[in-house]
Protein backbone atom coordinates (compact mmCIF):
# COMPACT_ATOMS: atom_id res chain seq x y z
CA MET A 1 1.68 -6.10 -11.63
CA LYS A 2 0.74 -9.55 -10.41
CA ALA A 3 -1.56 -8.58 -7.51
CA ASN A 4 -5.35 -8.58 -7.80
CA LYS A 5 -5.84 -5.31 -9.69
CA GLU A 6 -9.51 -4.94 -8.82
CA SER A 7 -8.81 -5.31 -5.12
CA VAL A 8 -5.87 -2.90 -5.13
CA LEU A 9 -7.77 -0.33 -7.21
CA ARG A 10 -10.75 -0.54 -4.84
CA LEU A 11 -8.46 0.15 -1.90
CA ILE A 12 -6.77 3.08 -3.69
CA LYS A 13 -10.13 4.59 -4.64
CA THR A 14 -11.31 4.23 -1.05
CA ALA A 15 -8.17 5.97 0.19
CA ARG A 16 -8.67 8.75 -2.36
CA GLY A 17 -12.24 9.22 -1.14
CA GLN A 18 -11.03 9.37 2.43
CA LEU A 19 -8.39 11.96 1.50
CA ASP A 20 -11.09 14.09 -0.13
CA GLY A 21 -13.08 13.83 3.10
CA ILE A 22 -10.05 14.77 5.17
CA GLU A 23 -9.49 17.80 2.97
CA ARG A 24 -13.08 18.91 3.64
CA MET A 25 -12.61 18.29 7.37
CA ILE A 26 -9.56 20.56 7.39
CA GLU A 27 -11.37 23.25 5.40
CA ASP A 28 -14.28 23.05 7.87
CA ASP A 29 -11.94 23.34 10.88
CA ARG A 30 -13.05 19.99 12.27
CA TYR A 31 -11.70 18.57 15.52
CA CYS A 32 -8.01 17.64 15.28
CA VAL A 33 -8.44 14.15 16.73
CA ASP A 34 -11.16 13.35 14.20
CA ILE A 35 -8.87 14.44 11.34
CA SER A 36 -5.99 12.41 12.75
CA THR A 37 -8.23 9.36 13.10
CA GLN A 38 -9.20 9.61 9.42
CA LEU A 39 -5.56 10.04 8.41
CA LEU A 40 -4.63 6.88 10.31
CA SER A 41 -7.49 5.02 8.64
CA THR A 42 -6.31 6.15 5.21
CA GLN A 43 -2.75 5.08 5.98
CA ALA A 44 -4.04 1.64 7.01
CA ILE A 45 -5.85 1.27 3.68
CA LEU A 46 -2.73 2.27 1.73
CA ASN A 47 -0.66 -0.18 3.79
CA LYS A 48 -3.13 -2.93 2.95
CA ALA A 49 -2.90 -2.10 -0.77
CA ASN A 50 0.89 -2.20 -0.53
CA ARG A 51 0.80 -5.58 1.23
CA GLU A 52 -1.39 -6.99 -1.56
CA ILE A 53 1.00 -5.70 -4.21
CA LEU A 54 4.03 -7.13 -2.40
CA LYS A 55 2.24 -10.43 -1.83
CA GLY A 56 1.64 -10.71 -5.58
CA HIS A 57 5.28 -9.85 -6.19
CA VAL A 58 6.50 -12.60 -3.87
CA GLU A 59 4.01 -15.17 -5.17
CA HIS A 60 4.90 -14.56 -8.81
CA CYS A 61 8.09 -12.58 -9.46
CA VAL A 62 10.16 -13.89 -6.56
CA LYS A 63 8.91 -17.43 -7.07
CA GLU A 64 9.91 -17.25 -10.74
CA ALA A 65 13.32 -15.84 -9.79
CA ILE A 66 13.87 -18.76 -7.41
CA LEU A 67 12.98 -21.24 -10.13
CA THR A 68 15.34 -19.58 -12.63
CA GLY A 69 18.16 -19.09 -10.13
CA ASP A 70 18.00 -15.27 -10.30
CA VAL A 71 16.83 -14.73 -6.74
CA ASP A 72 19.49 -12.23 -5.54
CA VAL A 73 18.03 -9.26 -7.42
CA LYS A 74 14.49 -9.92 -6.21
CA LEU A 75 15.56 -10.38 -2.61
CA ASN A 76 17.55 -7.14 -2.73
CA GLU A 77 14.46 -5.33 -4.06
CA ILE A 78 12.36 -6.62 -1.17
CA LEU A 79 15.03 -5.74 1.39
CA MET A 80 15.25 -2.19 0.01
CA LEU A 81 11.47 -1.83 0.24
CA MET A 82 11.48 -3.10 3.81
CA ASP A 83 14.02 -0.42 4.70
CA LYS A 84 11.71 2.24 3.24
CA MET A 85 8.74 0.96 5.27
CA LYS A 86 10.34 1.83 8.58
């Protein structure tokens, strides 16, 4: 992985902590909107981690593929990921 590992790990650990909190909220029968708000916040953190990983991929792996003339495979990978993000 070419992204900043410390940054991505920090985001993943934060999301994990939020998920633990959401689990407690559900167990405690907390207000639905509050739970949903925390879920949306966790999704935003995971999206940010994914963007950092993909940014590293483009800056390193795709760039290298362009320089070596093997860009088709890397572009297809990115296109497939974009389809999954919908």
